[in-house]
Protein backbone atom coordinates (compact mmCIF):
# COMPACT_ATOMS: atom_id res chain seq x y z
CA MET A 1 7.32 1.36 -1.56
CA TRP A 2 8.04 4.46 -4.13
CA PHE A 3 10.23 2.05 -6.25
CA ARG A 4 9.16 -0.72 -8.98
CA PRO A 5 8.13 -4.13 -7.51
CA GLU A 6 11.57 -5.66 -8.33
CA GLN A 7 13.65 -3.15 -6.58
CA SER A 8 13.84 -3.58 -2.78
CA VAL A 9 15.96 -0.64 -1.27
CA THR A 10 13.29 0.75 0.69
CA PRO A 11 13.23 0.15 4.57
CA THR A 12 10.70 -2.35 5.73
CA PRO A 13 8.28 -1.67 8.61
CA ALA A 14 10.50 -3.95 10.58
CA ALA A 15 13.37 -1.91 9.95
CA PHE A 16 11.50 1.28 11.11
CA SER A 17 10.51 -0.24 14.19
CA ARG A 18 14.22 -0.91 15.08
CA CYS A 19 14.84 2.70 14.65
CA GLY A 20 13.86 2.98 18.48
CA ARG A 21 13.39 6.35 20.11
CA THR A 22 11.64 9.31 18.10
CA GLY A 23 14.42 11.23 16.79
CA PHE A 24 16.17 8.04 15.38
CA PHE A 25 12.85 7.00 14.00
CA LEU A 26 12.68 10.42 12.19
CA ARG A 27 16.05 10.14 10.95
CA CYS A 28 15.23 6.87 9.37
CA LEU A 29 12.36 8.10 7.92
CA ALA A 30 13.81 11.16 6.37
CA LEU A 31 16.52 8.69 4.85
CA SER A 32 13.75 6.57 3.38
CA VAL A 33 12.24 9.85 1.82
CA SER A 34 15.38 10.88 0.30
CA LEU A 35 15.72 7.46 -1.30
CA PHE A 36 12.31 7.67 -2.73
CA ILE A 37 13.45 10.98 -4.36
CA LEU A 38 16.45 9.48 -5.77
CA ALA A 39 14.42 6.54 -7.17
CA ALA A 40 11.64 8.86 -8.55
CA THR A 41 14.29 10.60 -10.96
CA SER A 42 13.80 8.07 -13.40
CA VAL A 43 10.22 8.56 -13.84
CA ARG A 44 9.47 10.76 -16.78
CA SER A 45 6.89 13.53 -16.65
CA GLU A 46 3.74 12.49 -18.13
CA TYR A 47 0.13 14.13 -18.57
CA LEU A 48 -2.88 11.92 -17.80
CA LEU A 49 -5.69 11.86 -20.21
CA PHE A 50 -9.16 11.90 -19.11
CA ASP A 51 -10.70 9.17 -21.57
CA ASP A 52 -12.59 5.84 -21.32
CA SER A 53 -9.78 4.34 -19.21
CA TRP A 54 -11.42 6.15 -16.28
CA GLN A 55 -13.95 4.07 -14.24
CA GLY A 56 -16.79 5.40 -12.22
CA LEU A 57 -17.63 4.86 -8.53
CA ARG A 58 -21.19 5.69 -7.38
CA PHE A 59 -23.14 4.85 -4.35
CA PRO A 60 -26.54 3.07 -4.19
CA MET A 61 -29.60 5.06 -4.00
CA ILE A 62 -27.85 8.48 -4.19
CA LYS A 63 -27.70 10.52 -7.47
CA GLN A 64 -24.41 10.48 -9.32
CA ASN A 65 -22.46 13.27 -10.74
CA GLU A 66 -21.61 14.12 -14.56
CA PHE A 67 -18.26 13.66 -15.60
CA GLN A 68 -17.27 14.90 -18.97
CA LEU A 69 -13.91 12.91 -20.18
CA ASN A 70 -12.24 15.55 -22.58
CA GLY A 71 -8.70 14.54 -22.87
CA ARG A 72 -6.52 17.02 -21.25
CA SER A 73 -9.65 18.24 -18.80
CA LEU A 74 -12.40 16.58 -16.79
CA GLY A 75 -15.60 18.81 -16.49
CA ILE A 76 -17.55 17.99 -13.26
CA GLU A 77 -21.23 18.77 -12.64
CA SER A 78 -22.67 18.04 -9.38
CA GLU A 79 -26.43 18.67 -8.43
CA SER A 80 -27.13 17.21 -4.81
CA SER A 81 -25.25 14.37 -5.82
CA VAL A 82 -21.87 12.41 -5.07
CA SER A 83 -19.74 9.91 -7.23
CA PHE A 84 -16.05 9.81 -8.39
CA VAL A 85 -13.84 8.39 -11.18
CA PHE A 86 -10.62 6.32 -11.02
CA LYS A 87 -7.73 5.64 -13.07
CA LEU A 88 -5.42 2.67 -12.48
CA LEU A 89 -1.77 3.94 -13.47
CA PRO A 90 0.43 2.25 -15.58
CA GLN A 91 3.60 0.57 -13.90
CA ARG A 92 6.06 3.13 -15.34
CA LEU A 93 4.14 5.49 -12.84
CA TRP A 94 4.21 3.78 -9.82
CA ASN A 95 7.41 5.60 -8.72
CA ALA A 96 5.92 9.36 -9.39
CA GLN A 97 6.43 11.59 -6.32
CA ASN A 98 5.00 14.89 -8.00
CA ALA A 99 1.72 15.87 -8.92
CA SER A 100 0.49 19.25 -10.55
CA TRP A 101 -2.65 20.22 -12.07
CA ILE A 102 -5.09 23.31 -12.90
CA TRP A 103 -8.76 23.15 -11.38
CA SER A 104 -11.54 25.55 -11.54
CA VAL A 105 -14.99 26.05 -9.60
CA ASP A 106 -17.30 28.21 -11.11
CA GLN A 107 -20.13 27.25 -8.69
CA GLY A 108 -19.82 25.37 -5.51
CA VAL A 109 -21.10 24.16 -2.18
CA PRO A 110 -20.83 26.16 1.29
CA PRO A 111 -18.22 25.74 3.71
CA THR A 112 -18.94 22.33 5.73
CA ASP A 113 -16.84 20.45 8.47
CA LEU A 114 -14.97 17.80 6.83
CA THR A 115 -13.85 16.03 10.00
CA VAL A 116 -17.31 14.31 10.78
CA LYS A 117 -19.74 12.16 8.71
CA GLY A 118 -22.91 13.87 7.45
CA GLY A 119 -22.85 17.43 5.68
CA GLU A 120 -19.66 16.91 4.87
CA ASP A 121 -19.66 18.42 1.01
CA ARG A 122 -16.74 19.55 -1.10
CA ASN A 123 -16.07 21.17 -4.48
CA ILE A 124 -13.33 18.78 -5.62
CA VAL A 125 -11.13 16.10 -4.29
CA VAL A 126 -8.37 14.51 -5.90
CA TYR A 127 -7.33 10.91 -4.54
CA PHE A 128 -4.03 9.39 -4.60
CA LEU A 129 -4.43 5.66 -3.57
CA PHE A 130 -1.47 3.61 -2.49
CA LEU A 131 -0.92 0.00 -2.39
CA THR A 132 1.75 -1.93 -0.74
CA ALA A 133 4.23 -3.16 -3.55
CA GLU A 134 3.10 -7.07 -2.72
CA ARG A 135 -0.41 -6.01 -3.06
CA ALA A 136 0.17 -4.04 -6.34
CA ARG A 137 1.86 -7.21 -7.58
CA GLU A 138 -1.09 -9.32 -7.08
CA LEU A 139 -3.90 -7.28 -8.26
CA THR A 140 -5.24 -7.49 -12.01
CA ASP A 141 -7.73 -4.79 -13.14
CA PRO A 142 -9.33 -4.23 -9.67
CA SER A 143 -12.66 -2.03 -9.75
CA PRO A 144 -12.63 1.31 -7.79
CA ARG A 145 -14.88 -0.14 -5.26
CA ALA A 146 -12.73 -2.91 -4.43
CA LEU A 147 -9.56 -0.55 -4.39
CA MET A 148 -11.55 1.55 -1.85
CA ASN A 149 -12.15 -1.55 0.30
CA ASP A 150 -8.88 -2.95 0.09
CA GLU A 151 -7.46 -3.16 3.48
CA ASP A 152 -3.76 -2.68 1.97
CA ALA A 153 -4.98 0.50 0.43
CA SER A 154 -4.01 4.10 1.98
CA LEU A 155 -5.77 7.19 0.43
CA LEU A 156 -4.23 10.92 0.15
CA ALA A 157 -7.15 13.22 -0.52
CA ILE A 158 -6.37 16.76 -1.97
CA VAL A 159 -9.45 18.53 -1.26
CA TRP A 160 -10.99 21.89 -2.28
CA GLY A 161 -13.59 22.83 0.20
CA GLY A 162 -14.67 22.53 3.74
CA GLU A 163 -14.50 25.24 6.48
CA GLN A 164 -11.00 24.23 7.68
CA GLU A 165 -7.94 26.34 6.97
CA ARG A 166 -5.67 25.72 3.97
CA GLY A 167 -2.96 23.12 4.74
CA GLU A 168 -4.81 21.16 7.38
CA ILE A 169 -4.58 17.41 7.81
CA PHE A 170 -6.51 15.16 9.24
CA PRO A 171 -8.16 11.78 9.07
CA SER A 172 -11.00 10.53 6.91
CA PRO A 173 -14.33 10.31 9.10
CA PHE A 174 -15.01 7.43 6.71
CA LEU A 175 -11.78 5.44 6.28
CA GLU A 176 -10.20 6.77 9.58
CA ASP A 177 -6.54 5.55 9.57
CA ARG A 178 -6.70 4.62 5.92
CA ALA A 179 -7.17 7.88 4.50
CA SER A 180 -5.93 11.44 5.34
CA LEU A 181 -7.34 14.61 3.94
CA VAL A 182 -5.45 17.53 3.01
CA ILE A 183 -6.92 21.02 2.52
CA ALA A 184 -5.72 22.62 -0.65
CA ARG A 185 -8.33 25.39 -0.59
CA PRO A 186 -11.48 26.34 1.39
CA ALA A 187 -14.70 26.55 0.01
CA GLU A 188 -14.52 29.27 -2.46
CA LEU A 189 -14.65 30.00 -6.22
CA GLY A 190 -11.74 30.45 -8.74
CA THR A 191 -9.06 29.05 -10.83
CA TYR A 192 -5.95 27.72 -9.37
CA ARG A 193 -2.88 25.68 -10.38
CA GLU A 194 -1.64 22.95 -7.65
CA THR A 195 1.67 21.38 -7.40
CA TYR A 196 2.21 18.63 -4.62
CA GLN A 197 5.18 16.45 -3.33
CA ILE A 198 3.08 13.70 -2.83
CA ALA A 199 5.62 11.53 -1.30
CA LEU A 200 6.44 14.29 1.21
CA GLN A 201 3.06 15.11 1.75
CA TYR A 202 1.95 11.23 2.54
CA VAL A 203 4.82 11.20 5.26
CA GLN A 204 3.18 14.07 6.73
CA ALA A 205 -0.29 13.02 6.82
CA PHE A 206 0.47 9.12 7.87
CA GLY A 207 4.02 9.30 9.41
CA ARG A 208 5.39 6.80 7.38
CA ALA A 209 6.84 6.27 3.95
CA PRO A 210 4.55 5.60 0.89
CA GLU A 211 4.53 2.76 -1.24
CA THR A 212 3.16 2.03 -4.64
CA LEU A 213 1.15 4.92 -6.40
CA PHE A 214 -1.45 2.49 -7.89
CA ALA A 215 -4.37 4.74 -8.82
CA ILE A 216 -5.87 8.44 -9.16
CA GLY A 217 -9.25 9.50 -8.29
CA VAL A 218 -11.28 12.64 -8.68
CA GLY A 219 -14.76 13.32 -7.23
CA ALA A 220 -17.22 16.02 -6.16
CA ASP A 221 -19.88 16.02 -3.35
CA SER A 222 -22.87 18.21 -2.91
CA ASP A 223 -25.71 15.55 -1.89
CA ASP A 224 -26.02 16.70 1.82
CA THR A 225 -26.19 20.45 1.04
CA GLU A 226 -28.40 19.93 -1.95
CA THR A 227 -26.58 22.52 -3.89
CA VAL A 228 -24.87 22.69 -7.20
CA ILE A 229 -20.96 22.37 -8.52
CA ARG A 230 -19.83 23.34 -11.75
CA ALA A 231 -16.21 22.58 -11.97
CA ARG A 232 -13.16 21.24 -14.04
CA ILE A 233 -9.60 19.72 -13.67
CA GLU A 234 -7.09 19.90 -16.32
CA ASP A 235 -3.54 19.46 -17.23
CA PHE A 236 -2.84 16.70 -14.57
CA ARG A 237 0.67 15.70 -14.76
CA LEU A 238 2.60 13.17 -12.89
CA ARG A 239 6.44 12.82 -12.37
């Protein structure tokens, strides 16, 4: 839920099920999101530093990317490779509902179909990983792989790349109903500032209210098209 674990004002799944018909359900959901927004006003804006607190996630037998952790910025070099870095968030940021950052792509992959397995390369992806409040309380320093495989985890992925239109939302071909992709930018070059209302975007993607924002991930993927990505992300802020 979008509150600290000790708080309990979020409607439960059982409460949502009692909403009944679609119109009433949507009113209940809107009320729930409004409560999230009110609760999140206590979260102070905070920049995330790209430092040694970020952990890598790679795949066996596949070349991994090179990430340069430079404090306020993260350099990304991908040459026919794929991998990610993840950061566990401190509890003071579990209520964060907004995110902003600047990202740049100087060299990138061609447009690919991100709805299917195989060939689905993308320039940059930013993951927002959510857990249930109960699961967040249980875990102690989990690895990125353990988090990605956790059945209680759900991922909202903001993507730069693909052949889909900007703003399209669809399930991940790998994690299906546990992950949704949101196209921020199609495959192109440039520099942009992004701002997302993560709580509202999550509702649009999953049709339910989000819970605890537990980790952030960043990755790039060029192995299927055997191309090169030169990119960076900087001034990443949560509030």
